[in-house]
């Protein structure tokens, strides 16, 4: 909202959202929950917000550069994992739920230094 010149206040969001939305108007309490992160707008409301603010809808739900973050994470996995690591992950996927929990707990215990 700030980057588009709007004050990040519930009253401003309520007014502007309701001017751009053709469905049932949102209440001040409802949009306040969006602003403080207690609720996420439904799909149609999210699309209205994204259009009004001229941002991709996923940017309103996830971090600002979610596509970049996903790409960087994928590149890290590609760079850091060798074929033996991939074999381990495939074997892990075949384990029972209880055995997966044991392995997860062991890895977490070993990584906590």
PDB file of N, CA and C in Angstrom:
ATOM      1  N   UNK A   1       0.829  -1.184   0.000  1.00  0.00           N
ATOM      2  CA  UNK A   1       0.000   0.000   0.000  1.00  0.00           C
ATOM      3  C   UNK A   1       0.876   1.251   0.000  1.00  0.00           C
ATOM      4  N   UNK A   2       1.911   1.227   0.841  1.00  0.00           N
ATOM      5  CA  UNK A   2       2.777   2.405   0.925  1.00  0.00           C
ATOM      6  C   UNK A   2       3.467   2.685  -0.410  1.00  0.00           C
ATOM      7  N   UNK A   3       3.907   1.634  -1.077  1.00  0.00           N
ATOM      8  CA  UNK A   3       4.612   1.851  -2.346  1.00  0.00           C
ATOM      9  C   UNK A   3       3.690   2.426  -3.422  1.00  0.00           C
ATOM     10  N   UNK A   4       2.387   2.299  -3.229  1.00  0.00           N
ATOM     11  CA  UNK A   4       1.420   2.873  -4.165  1.00  0.00           C
ATOM     12  C   UNK A   4       0.877   4.212  -3.678  1.00  0.00           C
ATOM     13  N   UNK A   5       1.463   4.731  -2.571  1.00  0.00           N
ATOM     14  CA  UNK A   5       1.073   6.049  -2.084  1.00  0.00           C
ATOM     15  C   UNK A   5      -0.099   6.053  -1.112  1.00  0.00           C
ATOM     16  N   UNK A   6      -0.464   4.880  -0.606  1.00  0.00           N
ATOM     17  CA  UNK A   6      -1.563   4.789   0.357  1.00  0.00           C
ATOM     18  C   UNK A   6      -1.002   4.583   1.754  1.00  0.00           C
ATOM     19  N   UNK A   7      -1.672   5.187   2.717  1.00  0.00           N
ATOM     20  CA  UNK A   7      -1.318   4.953   4.104  1.00  0.00           C
ATOM     21  C   UNK A   7      -1.776   3.544   4.482  1.00  0.00           C
ATOM     22  N   UNK A   8      -0.911   2.780   5.148  1.00  0.00           N
ATOM     23  CA  UNK A   8      -1.228   1.388   5.502  1.00  0.00           C
ATOM     24  C   UNK A   8      -2.117   1.357   6.744  1.00  0.00           C
ATOM     25  N   UNK A   9      -3.341   1.791   6.565  1.00  0.00           N
ATOM     26  CA  UNK A   9      -4.321   1.807   7.659  1.00  0.00           C
ATOM     27  C   UNK A   9      -5.546   1.023   7.217  1.00  0.00           C
ATOM     28  N   UNK A  10      -6.194   0.405   8.189  1.00  0.00           N
ATOM     29  CA  UNK A  10      -7.377  -0.402   7.889  1.00  0.00           C
ATOM     30  C   UNK A  10      -8.469   0.432   7.230  1.00  0.00           C
ATOM     31  N   UNK A  11      -8.649   1.659   7.683  1.00  0.00           N
ATOM     32  CA  UNK A  11      -9.717   2.503   7.104  1.00  0.00           C
ATOM     33  C   UNK A  11      -9.448   2.802   5.626  1.00  0.00           C
ATOM     34  N   UNK A  12      -8.194   2.999   5.266  1.00  0.00           N
ATOM     35  CA  UNK A  12      -7.838   3.263   3.872  1.00  0.00           C
ATOM     36  C   UNK A  12      -8.046   1.995   3.044  1.00  0.00           C
ATOM     37  N   UNK A  13      -7.581   0.873   3.571  1.00  0.00           N
ATOM     38  CA  UNK A  13      -7.735  -0.394   2.865  1.00  0.00           C
ATOM     39  C   UNK A  13      -9.206  -0.740   2.676  1.00  0.00           C
ATOM     40  N   UNK A  14     -10.007  -0.550   3.704  1.00  0.00           N
ATOM     41  CA  UNK A  14     -11.440  -0.831   3.599  1.00  0.00           C
ATOM     42  C   UNK A  14     -12.078   0.001   2.485  1.00  0.00           C
ATOM     43  N   UNK A  15     -11.803   1.295   2.494  1.00  0.00           N
ATOM     44  CA  UNK A  15     -12.387   2.189   1.489  1.00  0.00           C
ATOM     45  C   UNK A  15     -11.949   1.801   0.080  1.00  0.00           C
ATOM     46  N   UNK A  16     -10.654   1.674  -0.128  1.00  0.00           N
ATOM     47  CA  UNK A  16     -10.135   1.398  -1.466  1.00  0.00           C
ATOM     48  C   UNK A  16     -10.522   0.007  -1.956  1.00  0.00           C
ATOM     49  N   UNK A  17     -10.489  -0.970  -1.061  1.00  0.00           N
ATOM     50  CA  UNK A  17     -10.876  -2.315  -1.473  1.00  0.00           C
ATOM     51  C   UNK A  17     -12.333  -2.330  -1.910  1.00  0.00           C
ATOM     52  N   UNK A  18     -13.202  -1.770  -1.105  1.00  0.00           N
ATOM     53  CA  UNK A  18     -14.630  -1.791  -1.417  1.00  0.00           C
ATOM     54  C   UNK A  18     -14.968  -0.996  -2.685  1.00  0.00           C
ATOM     55  N   UNK A  19     -14.162   0.003  -3.013  1.00  0.00           N
ATOM     56  CA  UNK A  19     -14.360   0.734  -4.268  1.00  0.00           C
ATOM     57  C   UNK A  19     -14.012  -0.131  -5.484  1.00  0.00           C
ATOM     58  N   UNK A  20     -13.117  -1.104  -5.280  1.00  0.00           N
ATOM     59  CA  UNK A  20     -12.639  -1.936  -6.383  1.00  0.00           C
ATOM     60  C   UNK A  20     -13.263  -3.324  -6.431  1.00  0.00           C
ATOM     61  N   UNK A  21     -14.035  -3.687  -5.422  1.00  0.00           N
ATOM     62  CA  UNK A  21     -14.588  -5.044  -5.327  1.00  0.00           C
ATOM     63  C   UNK A  21     -16.079  -5.009  -5.610  1.00  0.00           C
ATOM     64  N   UNK A  22     -16.544  -5.956  -6.421  1.00  0.00           N
ATOM     65  CA  UNK A  22     -17.958  -5.947  -6.802  1.00  0.00           C
ATOM     66  C   UNK A  22     -18.825  -6.831  -5.907  1.00  0.00           C
ATOM     67  N   UNK A  23     -18.220  -7.559  -4.999  1.00  0.00           N
ATOM     68  CA  UNK A  23     -18.984  -8.431  -4.106  1.00  0.00           C
ATOM     69  C   UNK A  23     -19.402  -7.723  -2.830  1.00  0.00           C
ATOM     70  N   UNK A  24     -19.708  -8.525  -1.823  1.00  0.00           N
ATOM     71  CA  UNK A  24     -20.116  -7.983  -0.528  1.00  0.00           C
ATOM     72  C   UNK A  24     -18.968  -7.177   0.075  1.00  0.00           C
ATOM     73  N   UNK A  25     -19.233  -5.943   0.524  1.00  0.00           N
ATOM     74  CA  UNK A  25     -18.156  -5.096   1.059  1.00  0.00           C
ATOM     75  C   UNK A  25     -17.488  -5.716   2.287  1.00  0.00           C
ATOM     76  N   UNK A  26     -16.217  -5.440   2.429  1.00  0.00           N
ATOM     77  CA  UNK A  26     -15.465  -5.879   3.605  1.00  0.00           C
ATOM     78  C   UNK A  26     -15.669  -4.879   4.733  1.00  0.00           C
ATOM     79  N   UNK A  27     -15.594  -5.379   5.947  1.00  0.00           N
ATOM     80  CA  UNK A  27     -15.707  -4.518   7.120  1.00  0.00           C
ATOM     81  C   UNK A  27     -14.324  -4.021   7.527  1.00  0.00           C
ATOM     82  N   UNK A  28     -14.308  -3.002   8.350  1.00  0.00           N
ATOM     83  CA  UNK A  28     -13.062  -2.470   8.878  1.00  0.00           C
ATOM     84  C   UNK A  28     -12.321  -3.554   9.661  1.00  0.00           C
ATOM     85  N   UNK A  29     -13.050  -4.309  10.456  1.00  0.00           N
ATOM     86  CA  UNK A  29     -12.458  -5.385  11.250  1.00  0.00           C
ATOM     87  C   UNK A  29     -11.835  -6.450  10.338  1.00  0.00           C
ATOM     88  N   UNK A  30     -12.526  -6.789   9.259  1.00  0.00           N
ATOM     89  CA  UNK A  30     -12.032  -7.809   8.338  1.00  0.00           C
ATOM     90  C   UNK A  30     -10.739  -7.412   7.649  1.00  0.00           C
ATOM     91  N   UNK A  31     -10.656  -6.186   7.151  1.00  0.00           N
ATOM     92  CA  UNK A  31      -9.436  -5.759   6.465  1.00  0.00           C
ATOM     93  C   UNK A  31      -8.299  -5.532   7.453  1.00  0.00           C
ATOM     94  N   UNK A  32      -8.640  -5.169   8.685  1.00  0.00           N
ATOM     95  CA  UNK A  32      -7.612  -5.023   9.723  1.00  0.00           C
ATOM     96  C   UNK A  32      -6.911  -6.353   9.953  1.00  0.00           C
ATOM     97  N   UNK A  33      -7.684  -7.449   9.941  1.00  0.00           N
ATOM     98  CA  UNK A  33      -7.095  -8.774  10.116  1.00  0.00           C
ATOM     99  C   UNK A  33      -6.136  -9.107   8.980  1.00  0.00           C
ATOM    100  N   UNK A  34      -6.443  -8.642   7.771  1.00  0.00           N
ATOM    101  CA  UNK A  34      -5.518  -8.836   6.647  1.00  0.00           C
ATOM    102  C   UNK A  34      -4.205  -8.106   6.918  1.00  0.00           C
ATOM    103  N   UNK A  35      -4.319  -6.849   7.355  1.00  0.00           N
ATOM    104  CA  UNK A  35      -3.129  -6.024   7.558  1.00  0.00           C
ATOM    105  C   UNK A  35      -2.204  -6.572   8.635  1.00  0.00           C
ATOM    106  N   UNK A  36      -2.768  -7.141   9.679  1.00  0.00           N
ATOM    107  CA  UNK A  36      -1.921  -7.627  10.777  1.00  0.00           C
ATOM    108  C   UNK A  36      -1.578  -9.109  10.628  1.00  0.00           C
ATOM    109  N   UNK A  37      -2.017  -9.712   9.533  1.00  0.00           N
ATOM    110  CA  UNK A  37      -1.648 -11.091   9.254  1.00  0.00           C
ATOM    111  C   UNK A  37      -2.445 -12.152   9.980  1.00  0.00           C
ATOM    112  N   UNK A  38      -3.586 -11.792  10.522  1.00  0.00           N
ATOM    113  CA  UNK A  38      -4.442 -12.775  11.191  1.00  0.00           C
ATOM    114  C   UNK A  38      -5.317 -13.533  10.205  1.00  0.00           C
ATOM    115  N   UNK A  39      -5.475 -13.015   9.005  1.00  0.00           N
ATOM    116  CA  UNK A  39      -6.308 -13.660   7.990  1.00  0.00           C
ATOM    117  C   UNK A  39      -5.730 -13.357   6.615  1.00  0.00           C
ATOM    118  N   UNK A  40      -6.031 -14.255   5.685  1.00  0.00           N
ATOM    119  CA  UNK A  40      -5.627 -14.075   4.291  1.00  0.00           C
ATOM    120  C   UNK A  40      -6.905 -13.950   3.468  1.00  0.00           C
ATOM    121  N   UNK A  41      -6.960 -12.976   2.580  1.00  0.00           N
ATOM    122  CA  UNK A  41      -8.165 -12.814   1.755  1.00  0.00           C
ATOM    123  C   UNK A  41      -8.447 -14.054   0.910  1.00  0.00           C
ATOM    124  N   UNK A  42      -9.714 -14.307   0.640  1.00  0.00           N
ATOM    125  CA  UNK A  42     -10.084 -15.398  -0.261  1.00  0.00           C
ATOM    126  C   UNK A  42      -9.581 -15.066  -1.663  1.00  0.00           C
ATOM    127  N   UNK A  43      -9.614 -16.038  -2.556  1.00  0.00           N
ATOM    128  CA  UNK A  43      -9.055 -15.878  -3.893  1.00  0.00           C
ATOM    129  C   UNK A  43      -9.567 -14.679  -4.650  1.00  0.00           C
ATOM    130  N   UNK A  44     -10.887 -14.482  -4.672  1.00  0.00           N
ATOM    131  CA  UNK A  44     -11.430 -13.362  -5.443  1.00  0.00           C
ATOM    132  C   UNK A  44     -11.027 -12.018  -4.844  1.00  0.00           C
ATOM    133  N   UNK A  45     -10.962 -11.959  -3.526  1.00  0.00           N
ATOM    134  CA  UNK A  45     -10.548 -10.715  -2.865  1.00  0.00           C
ATOM    135  C   UNK A  45      -9.056 -10.473  -3.084  1.00  0.00           C
ATOM    136  N   UNK A  46      -8.294 -11.543  -3.054  1.00  0.00           N
ATOM    137  CA  UNK A  46      -6.858 -11.440  -3.302  1.00  0.00           C
ATOM    138  C   UNK A  46      -6.585 -10.895  -4.706  1.00  0.00           C
ATOM    139  N   UNK A  47      -7.340 -11.392  -5.679  1.00  0.00           N
ATOM    140  CA  UNK A  47      -7.185 -10.904  -7.051  1.00  0.00           C
ATOM    141  C   UNK A  47      -7.562  -9.419  -7.162  1.00  0.00           C
ATOM    142  N   UNK A  48      -8.607  -9.017  -6.457  1.00  0.00           N
ATOM    143  CA  UNK A  48      -9.006  -7.606  -6.464  1.00  0.00           C
ATOM    144  C   UNK A  48      -7.901  -6.743  -5.871  1.00  0.00           C
ATOM    145  N   UNK A  49      -7.344  -7.186  -4.740  1.00  0.00           N
ATOM    146  CA  UNK A  49      -6.254  -6.438  -4.105  1.00  0.00           C
ATOM    147  C   UNK A  49      -5.044  -6.347  -5.033  1.00  0.00           C
ATOM    148  N   UNK A  50      -4.698  -7.467  -5.658  1.00  0.00           N
ATOM    149  CA  UNK A  50      -3.531  -7.503  -6.543  1.00  0.00           C
ATOM    150  C   UNK A  50      -3.713  -6.555  -7.729  1.00  0.00           C
ATOM    151  N   UNK A  51      -4.904  -6.551  -8.286  1.00  0.00           N
ATOM    152  CA  UNK A  51      -5.180  -5.662  -9.422  1.00  0.00           C
ATOM    153  C   UNK A  51      -5.105  -4.202  -8.984  1.00  0.00           C
ATOM    154  N   UNK A  52      -5.712  -3.898  -7.853  1.00  0.00           N
ATOM    155  CA  UNK A  52      -5.718  -2.528  -7.342  1.00  0.00           C
ATOM    156  C   UNK A  52      -4.289  -2.054  -7.045  1.00  0.00           C
ATOM    157  N   UNK A  53      -3.486  -2.907  -6.412  1.00  0.00           N
ATOM    158  CA  UNK A  53      -2.127  -2.526  -6.030  1.00  0.00           C
ATOM    159  C   UNK A  53      -1.093  -2.775  -7.131  1.00  0.00           C
ATOM    160  N   UNK A  54      -1.557  -3.399  -8.231  1.00  0.00           N
ATOM    161  CA  UNK A  54      -0.698  -3.694  -9.379  1.00  0.00           C
ATOM    162  C   UNK A  54       0.514  -4.537  -8.985  1.00  0.00           C
ATOM    163  N   UNK A  55       0.226  -5.636  -8.284  1.00  0.00           N
ATOM    164  CA  UNK A  55       1.264  -6.591  -7.890  1.00  0.00           C
ATOM    165  C   UNK A  55       0.759  -8.007  -8.173  1.00  0.00           C
ATOM    166  N   UNK A  56       1.656  -8.967  -8.336  1.00  0.00           N
ATOM    167  CA  UNK A  56       1.208 -10.350  -8.513  1.00  0.00           C
ATOM    168  C   UNK A  56       0.510 -10.828  -7.236  1.00  0.00           C
ATOM    169  N   UNK A  57      -0.564 -11.600  -7.355  1.00  0.00           N
ATOM    170  CA  UNK A  57      -1.298 -12.049  -6.159  1.00  0.00           C
ATOM    171  C   UNK A  57      -0.425 -12.780  -5.148  1.00  0.00           C
ATOM    172  N   UNK A  58       0.542 -13.589  -5.634  1.00  0.00           N
ATOM    173  CA  UNK A  58       1.381 -14.336  -4.701  1.00  0.00           C
ATOM    174  C   UNK A  58       2.238 -13.430  -3.831  1.00  0.00           C
ATOM    175  N   UNK A  59       2.504 -12.222  -4.325  1.00  0.00           N
ATOM    176  CA  UNK A  59       3.286 -11.271  -3.536  1.00  0.00           C
ATOM    177  C   UNK A  59       2.519 -10.812  -2.289  1.00  0.00           C
ATOM    178  N   UNK A  60       1.212 -10.864  -2.350  1.00  0.00           N
ATOM    179  CA  UNK A  60       0.407 -10.460  -1.202  1.00  0.00           C
ATOM    180  C   UNK A  60       0.346 -11.545  -0.136  1.00  0.00           C
ATOM    181  N   UNK A  61       0.632 -12.772  -0.522  1.00  0.00           N
ATOM    182  CA  UNK A  61       0.538 -13.894   0.418  1.00  0.00           C
ATOM    183  C   UNK A  61       1.914 -14.342   0.891  1.00  0.00           C
ATOM    184  N   UNK A  62       2.900 -14.306  -0.011  1.00  0.00           N
ATOM    185  CA  UNK A  62       4.240 -14.769   0.300  1.00  0.00           C
ATOM    186  C   UNK A  62       5.188 -13.587   0.340  1.00  0.00           C
ATOM    187  N   UNK A  63       6.471 -13.892   0.513  1.00  0.00           N
ATOM    188  CA  UNK A  63       7.450 -12.818   0.498  1.00  0.00           C
ATOM    189  C   UNK A  63       7.447 -12.115  -0.858  1.00  0.00           C
ATOM    190  N   UNK A  64       7.971 -10.915  -0.882  1.00  0.00           N
ATOM    191  CA  UNK A  64       7.864 -10.081  -2.068  1.00  0.00           C
ATOM    192  C   UNK A  64       8.392 -10.743  -3.332  1.00  0.00           C
ATOM    193  N   UNK A  65       9.544 -11.362  -3.251  1.00  0.00           N
ATOM    194  CA  UNK A  65      10.154 -11.959  -4.429  1.00  0.00           C
ATOM    195  C   UNK A  65      10.085 -13.480  -4.352  1.00  0.00           C
ATOM    196  N   UNK A  66       8.883 -14.008  -4.196  1.00  0.00           N
ATOM    197  CA  UNK A  66       8.722 -15.447  -3.995  1.00  0.00           C
ATOM    198  C   UNK A  66       9.273 -16.250  -5.167  1.00  0.00           C
ATOM    199  N   UNK A  67       9.055 -15.801  -6.387  1.00  0.00           N
ATOM    200  CA  UNK A  67       9.560 -16.539  -7.541  1.00  0.00           C
ATOM    201  C   UNK A  67      11.089 -16.585  -7.528  1.00  0.00           C
ATOM    202  N   UNK A  68      11.711 -15.480  -7.166  1.00  0.00           N
ATOM    203  CA  UNK A  68      13.168 -15.433  -7.071  1.00  0.00           C
ATOM    204  C   UNK A  68      13.652 -16.360  -5.958  1.00  0.00           C
ATOM    205  N   UNK A  69      12.982 -16.355  -4.818  1.00  0.00           N
ATOM    206  CA  UNK A  69      13.366 -17.216  -3.698  1.00  0.00           C
ATOM    207  C   UNK A  69      13.252 -18.694  -4.070  1.00  0.00           C
ATOM    208  N   UNK A  70      12.203 -19.050  -4.795  1.00  0.00           N
ATOM    209  CA  UNK A  70      12.020 -20.439  -5.228  1.00  0.00           C
ATOM    210  C   UNK A  70      13.145 -20.832  -6.178  1.00  0.00           C
ATOM    211  N   UNK A  71      13.462 -19.964  -7.116  1.00  0.00           N
ATOM    212  CA  UNK A  71      14.522 -20.257  -8.079  1.00  0.00           C
ATOM    213  C   UNK A  71      15.865 -20.422  -7.375  1.00  0.00           C
ATOM    214  N   UNK A  72      16.165 -19.539  -6.416  1.00  0.00           N
ATOM    215  CA  UNK A  72      17.426 -19.629  -5.683  1.00  0.00           C
ATOM    216  C   UNK A  72      17.509 -20.911  -4.875  1.00  0.00           C
ATOM    217  N   UNK A  73      16.392 -21.298  -4.242  1.00  0.00           N
ATOM    218  CA  UNK A  73      16.369 -22.541  -3.467  1.00  0.00           C
ATOM    219  C   UNK A  73      16.594 -23.734  -4.380  1.00  0.00           C
ATOM    220  N   UNK A  74      15.934 -23.744  -5.522  1.00  0.00           N
ATOM    221  CA  UNK A  74      16.093 -24.850  -6.474  1.00  0.00           C
ATOM    222  C   UNK A  74      17.527 -24.928  -6.989  1.00  0.00           C
ATOM    223  N   UNK A  75      18.143 -23.777  -7.254  1.00  0.00           N
ATOM    224  CA  UNK A  75      19.529 -23.769  -7.722  1.00  0.00           C
ATOM    225  C   UNK A  75      20.466 -24.312  -6.638  1.00  0.00           C
ATOM    226  N   UNK A  76      20.202 -23.955  -5.394  1.00  0.00           N
ATOM    227  CA  UNK A  76      21.020 -24.454  -4.292  1.00  0.00           C
ATOM    228  C   UNK A  76      20.918 -25.970  -4.197  1.00  0.00           C
ATOM    229  N   UNK A  77      19.708 -26.499  -4.303  1.00  0.00           N
ATOM    230  CA  UNK A  77      19.523 -27.956  -4.256  1.00  0.00           C
ATOM    231  C   UNK A  77      20.252 -28.621  -5.412  1.00  0.00           C
ATOM    232  N   UNK A  78      20.161 -28.053  -6.604  1.00  0.00           N
ATOM    233  CA  UNK A  78      20.830 -28.631  -7.769  1.00  0.00           C
ATOM    234  C   UNK A  78      22.345 -28.613  -7.598  1.00  0.00           C
ATOM    235  N   UNK A  79      22.849 -27.535  -7.037  1.00  0.00           N
ATOM    236  CA  UNK A  79      24.292 -27.360  -6.881  1.00  0.00           C
ATOM    237  C   UNK A  79      24.853 -28.238  -5.767  1.00  0.00           C
ATOM    238  N   UNK A  80      24.141 -28.341  -4.660  1.00  0.00           N
ATOM    239  CA  UNK A  80      24.660 -28.996  -3.465  1.00  0.00           C
ATOM    240  C   UNK A  80      24.427 -30.503  -3.406  1.00  0.00           C
ATOM    241  N   UNK A  81      23.440 -31.013  -4.126  1.00  0.00           N
ATOM    242  CA  UNK A  81      23.125 -32.431  -4.019  1.00  0.00           C
ATOM    243  C   UNK A  81      23.792 -33.246  -5.113  1.00  0.00           C
ATOM    244  N   UNK A  82      24.512 -34.250  -4.697  1.00  0.00           N
ATOM    245  CA  UNK A  82      25.100 -35.178  -5.649  1.00  0.00           C
ATOM    246  C   UNK A  82      24.196 -36.391  -5.813  1.00  0.00           C
ATOM    247  N   UNK A  83      24.605 -37.330  -6.642  1.00  0.00           N
ATOM    248  CA  UNK A  83      23.760 -38.499  -6.896  1.00  0.00           C
ATOM    249  C   UNK A  83      23.584 -39.342  -5.643  1.00  0.00           C
ATOM    250  N   UNK A  84      24.592 -39.400  -4.770  1.00  0.00           N
ATOM    251  CA  UNK A  84      24.450 -40.186  -3.537  1.00  0.00           C
ATOM    252  C   UNK A  84      23.413 -39.554  -2.602  1.00  0.00           C
ATOM    253  N   UNK A  85      23.408 -38.230  -2.549  1.00  0.00           N
ATOM    254  CA  UNK A  85      22.408 -37.541  -1.726  1.00  0.00           C
ATOM    255  C   UNK A  85      21.006 -37.824  -2.258  1.00  0.00           C
ATOM    256  N   UNK A  86      20.873 -37.808  -3.560  1.00  0.00           N
ATOM    257  CA  UNK A  86      19.562 -38.069  -4.157  1.00  0.00           C
ATOM    258  C   UNK A  86      19.110 -39.497  -3.872  1.00  0.00           C
ATOM    259  N   UNK A  87      20.047 -40.446  -3.864  1.00  0.00           N
ATOM    260  CA  UNK A  87      19.710 -41.831  -3.502  1.00  0.00           C
ATOM    261  C   UNK A  87      19.201 -41.907  -2.068  1.00  0.00           C
ATOM    262  N   UNK A  88      19.836 -41.135  -1.188  1.00  0.00           N
ATOM    263  CA  UNK A  88      19.415 -41.120   0.219  1.00  0.00           C
ATOM    264  C   UNK A  88      17.993 -40.576   0.334  1.00  0.00           C
ATOM    265  N   UNK A  89      17.695 -39.486  -0.378  1.00  0.00           N
ATOM    266  CA  UNK A  89      16.354 -38.918  -0.331  1.00  0.00           C
ATOM    267  C   UNK A  89      15.306 -39.887  -0.892  1.00  0.00           C
ATOM    268  N   UNK A  90      15.654 -40.579  -1.949  1.00  0.00           N
ATOM    269  CA  UNK A  90      14.722 -41.562  -2.507  1.00  0.00           C
ATOM    270  C   UNK A  90      14.473 -42.702  -1.522  1.00  0.00           C
ATOM    271  N   UNK A  91      15.518 -43.151  -0.841  1.00  0.00           N
ATOM    272  CA  UNK A  91      15.358 -44.205   0.168  1.00  0.00           C
ATOM    273  C   UNK A  91      14.507 -43.697   1.337  1.00  0.00           C
ATOM    274  N   UNK A  92      14.734 -42.458   1.725  1.00  0.00           N
ATOM    275  CA  UNK A  92      13.959 -41.859   2.816  1.00  0.00           C
ATOM    276  C   UNK A  92      12.469 -41.848   2.480  1.00  0.00           C
ATOM    277  N   UNK A  93      12.147 -41.498   1.246  1.00  0.00           N
ATOM    278  CA  UNK A  93      10.743 -41.435   0.832  1.00  0.00           C
ATOM    279  C   UNK A  93      10.046 -42.786   0.912  1.00  0.00           C
ATOM    280  N   UNK A  94      10.802 -43.859   0.860  1.00  0.00           N
ATOM    281  CA  UNK A  94      10.230 -45.202   0.914  1.00  0.00           C
ATOM    282  C   UNK A  94      10.023 -45.701   2.348  1.00  0.00           C
ATOM    283  N   UNK A  95      10.541 -44.962   3.328  1.00  0.00           N
ATOM    284  CA  UNK A  95      10.426 -45.388   4.726  1.00  0.00           C
ATOM    285  C   UNK A  95       9.008 -45.198   5.253  1.00  0.00           C
ATOM    286  N   UNK A  96       8.709 -45.928   6.319  1.00  0.00           N
ATOM    287  CA  UNK A  96       7.423 -45.740   7.004  1.00  0.00           C
ATOM    288  C   UNK A  96       7.450 -44.399   7.729  1.00  0.00           C
ATOM    289  N   UNK A  97       6.298 -43.919   8.120  1.00  0.00           N
ATOM    290  CA  UNK A  97       6.199 -42.632   8.814  1.00  0.00           C
ATOM    291  C   UNK A  97       7.018 -42.627  10.102  1.00  0.00           C
ATOM    292  N   UNK A  98       6.985 -43.727  10.843  1.00  0.00           N
ATOM    293  CA  UNK A  98       7.727 -43.776  12.110  1.00  0.00           C
ATOM    294  C   UNK A  98       9.240 -43.756  11.872  1.00  0.00           C
ATOM    295  N   UNK A  99       9.703 -44.436  10.824  1.00  0.00           N
ATOM    296  CA  UNK A  99      11.129 -44.412  10.516  1.00  0.00           C
ATOM    297  C   UNK A  99      11.560 -43.040   9.988  1.00  0.00           C
ATOM    298  N   UNK A 100      10.697 -42.388   9.218  1.00  0.00           N
ATOM    299  CA  UNK A 100      11.015 -41.035   8.752  1.00  0.00           C
ATOM    300  C   UNK A 100      11.191 -40.093   9.937  1.00  0.00           C
ATOM    301  N   UNK A 101      10.343 -40.248  10.942  1.00  0.00           N
ATOM    302  CA  UNK A 101      10.443 -39.392  12.133  1.00  0.00           C
ATOM    303  C   UNK A 101      11.778 -39.606  12.834  1.00  0.00           C
ATOM    304  N   UNK A 102      12.208 -40.860  12.952  1.00  0.00           N
ATOM    305  CA  UNK A 102      13.491 -41.159  13.597  1.00  0.00           C
ATOM    306  C   UNK A 102      14.634 -40.476  12.834  1.00  0.00           C
ATOM    307  N   UNK A 103      14.614 -40.603  11.513  1.00  0.00           N
ATOM    308  CA  UNK A 103      15.667 -40.001  10.689  1.00  0.00           C
ATOM    309  C   UNK A 103      15.650 -38.481  10.810  1.00  0.00           C
ATOM    310  N   UNK A 104      14.461 -37.885  10.742  1.00  0.00           N
ATOM    311  CA  UNK A 104      14.350 -36.418  10.885  1.00  0.00           C
ATOM    312  C   UNK A 104      14.908 -35.974  12.223  1.00  0.00           C
ATOM    313  N   UNK A 105      14.509 -36.676  13.307  1.00  0.00           N
ATOM    314  CA  UNK A 105      14.982 -36.307  14.644  1.00  0.00           C
ATOM    315  C   UNK A 105      16.497 -36.428  14.746  1.00  0.00           C
ATOM    316  N   UNK A 106      17.072 -37.477  14.125  1.00  0.00           N
ATOM    317  CA  UNK A 106      18.523 -37.648  14.146  1.00  0.00           C
ATOM    318  C   UNK A 106      19.218 -36.514  13.405  1.00  0.00           C
ATOM    319  N   UNK A 107      18.723 -36.173  12.229  1.00  0.00           N
ATOM    320  CA  UNK A 107      19.349 -35.096  11.454  1.00  0.00           C
ATOM    321  C   UNK A 107      19.278 -33.782  12.214  1.00  0.00           C
ATOM    322  N   UNK A 108      18.139 -33.501  12.803  1.00  0.00           N
ATOM    323  CA  UNK A 108      17.986 -32.255  13.555  1.00  0.00           C
ATOM    324  C   UNK A 108      18.919 -32.247  14.750  1.00  0.00           C
ATOM    325  N   UNK A 109      19.022 -33.373  15.451  1.00  0.00           N
ATOM    326  CA  UNK A 109      19.926 -33.450  16.603  1.00  0.00           C
ATOM    327  C   UNK A 109      21.382 -33.259  16.186  1.00  0.00           C
ATOM    328  N   UNK A 110      21.766 -33.832  15.072  1.00  0.00           N
ATOM    329  CA  UNK A 110      23.148 -33.699  14.599  1.00  0.00           C
ATOM    330  C   UNK A 110      23.440 -32.302  14.084  1.00  0.00           C
ATOM    331  N   UNK A 111      22.444 -31.618  13.563  1.00  0.00           N
ATOM    332  CA  UNK A 111      22.686 -30.278  13.003  1.00  0.00           C
ATOM    333  C   UNK A 111      22.646 -29.180  14.057  1.00  0.00           C
ATOM    334  N   UNK A 112      22.088 -29.453  15.234  1.00  0.00           N
ATOM    335  CA  UNK A 112      22.058 -28.471  16.330  1.00  0.00           C
ATOM    336  C   UNK A 112      23.402 -28.503  17.060  1.00  0.00           C
ATOM    337  N   UNK A 113      24.210 -27.505  16.774  1.00  0.00           N
ATOM    338  CA  UNK A 113      25.541 -27.475  17.404  1.00  0.00           C
ATOM    339  C   UNK A 113      25.622 -26.368  18.411  1.00  0.00           C
TER     340      UNK A 113
END
